[in-house]
Amino acid sequence: MAIYRTLYYGDVTVGVGGRITIPQDMRDDIGIDEGDTLTVRVEENPGGGRQMVLWRAEQPVEE
């Protein structure tokens, strides 16, 4: 199991229909390209606070 550390925080905009705009610098840092699939996990703490965690799904290796 990997342990991650926070590199930085940033703001994203929620638009029409709940669409989230991820800033270009964040996309560049984690290698998100148009058409990539993101995996989403929603977490809840004991006090009822919730957060959403996103990561880029592994891309199939092309031979």
Protein backbone atom coordinates (compact mmCIF):
# COMPACT_ATOMS: atom_id res chain seq x y z
CA MET A 1 0.00 0.00 0.00
CA ALA A 2 1.39 3.37 -1.03
CA ILE A 3 1.51 6.31 1.34
CA TYR A 4 1.05 9.66 -0.38
CA ARG A 5 2.06 13.08 0.86
CA THR A 6 0.34 16.30 -0.12
CA LEU A 7 2.29 18.30 -2.68
CA TYR A 8 -0.09 21.25 -2.87
CA TYR A 9 -3.74 22.25 -2.76
CA GLY A 10 -5.62 24.03 -5.50
CA ASP A 11 -9.09 25.15 -6.38
CA VAL A 12 -11.27 23.68 -9.10
CA THR A 13 -14.45 25.16 -10.51
CA VAL A 14 -17.76 23.29 -10.49
CA GLY A 15 -19.77 24.25 -13.53
CA VAL A 16 -23.03 23.40 -15.25
CA GLY A 17 -24.24 19.89 -14.52
CA GLY A 18 -21.56 19.39 -11.84
CA ARG A 19 -18.67 19.44 -14.32
CA ILE A 20 -15.32 19.97 -12.64
CA THR A 21 -12.58 21.95 -14.37
CA ILE A 22 -9.13 20.76 -13.32
CA PRO A 23 -6.52 23.50 -13.84
CA GLN A 24 -3.99 22.86 -16.61
CA ASP A 25 -0.98 22.90 -14.26
CA MET A 26 -2.54 20.12 -12.16
CA ARG A 27 -3.32 18.08 -15.28
CA ASP A 28 0.27 18.50 -16.43
CA ASP A 29 1.67 17.49 -13.02
CA ILE A 30 -0.24 14.20 -12.90
CA GLY A 31 -0.30 13.44 -16.61
CA ILE A 32 -4.03 13.74 -17.32
CA ASP A 33 -4.80 13.97 -21.03
CA GLU A 34 -8.06 14.36 -22.92
CA GLY A 35 -9.95 11.07 -22.94
CA ASP A 36 -8.23 9.64 -19.84
CA THR A 37 -10.35 7.86 -17.24
CA LEU A 38 -10.27 9.07 -13.64
CA THR A 39 -11.13 6.88 -10.66
CA VAL A 40 -13.10 8.60 -7.88
CA ARG A 41 -13.37 7.64 -4.22
CA VAL A 42 -15.65 9.44 -1.74
CA GLU A 43 -14.46 9.29 1.87
CA GLU A 44 -16.28 10.21 5.06
CA ASN A 45 -14.79 11.01 8.45
CA PRO A 46 -16.44 10.17 11.79
CA GLY A 47 -17.81 13.72 12.03
CA GLY A 48 -19.68 13.38 8.73
CA GLY A 49 -17.29 15.46 6.62
CA ARG A 50 -16.78 14.13 3.12
CA GLN A 51 -14.10 14.46 0.52
CA MET A 52 -13.61 13.24 -2.99
CA VAL A 53 -10.30 11.73 -4.09
CA LEU A 54 -9.49 11.43 -7.81
CA TRP A 55 -6.66 9.66 -9.55
CA ARG A 56 -5.80 8.75 -13.10
CA ALA A 57 -6.59 5.13 -13.90
CA GLU A 58 -3.71 3.04 -15.22
CA GLN A 59 -3.49 3.13 -18.98
CA PRO A 60 -3.28 -0.19 -20.84
CA VAL A 61 0.15 -0.92 -22.26
CA GLU A 62 0.11 -0.87 -26.05
CA GLU A 63 2.27 -3.49 -27.73
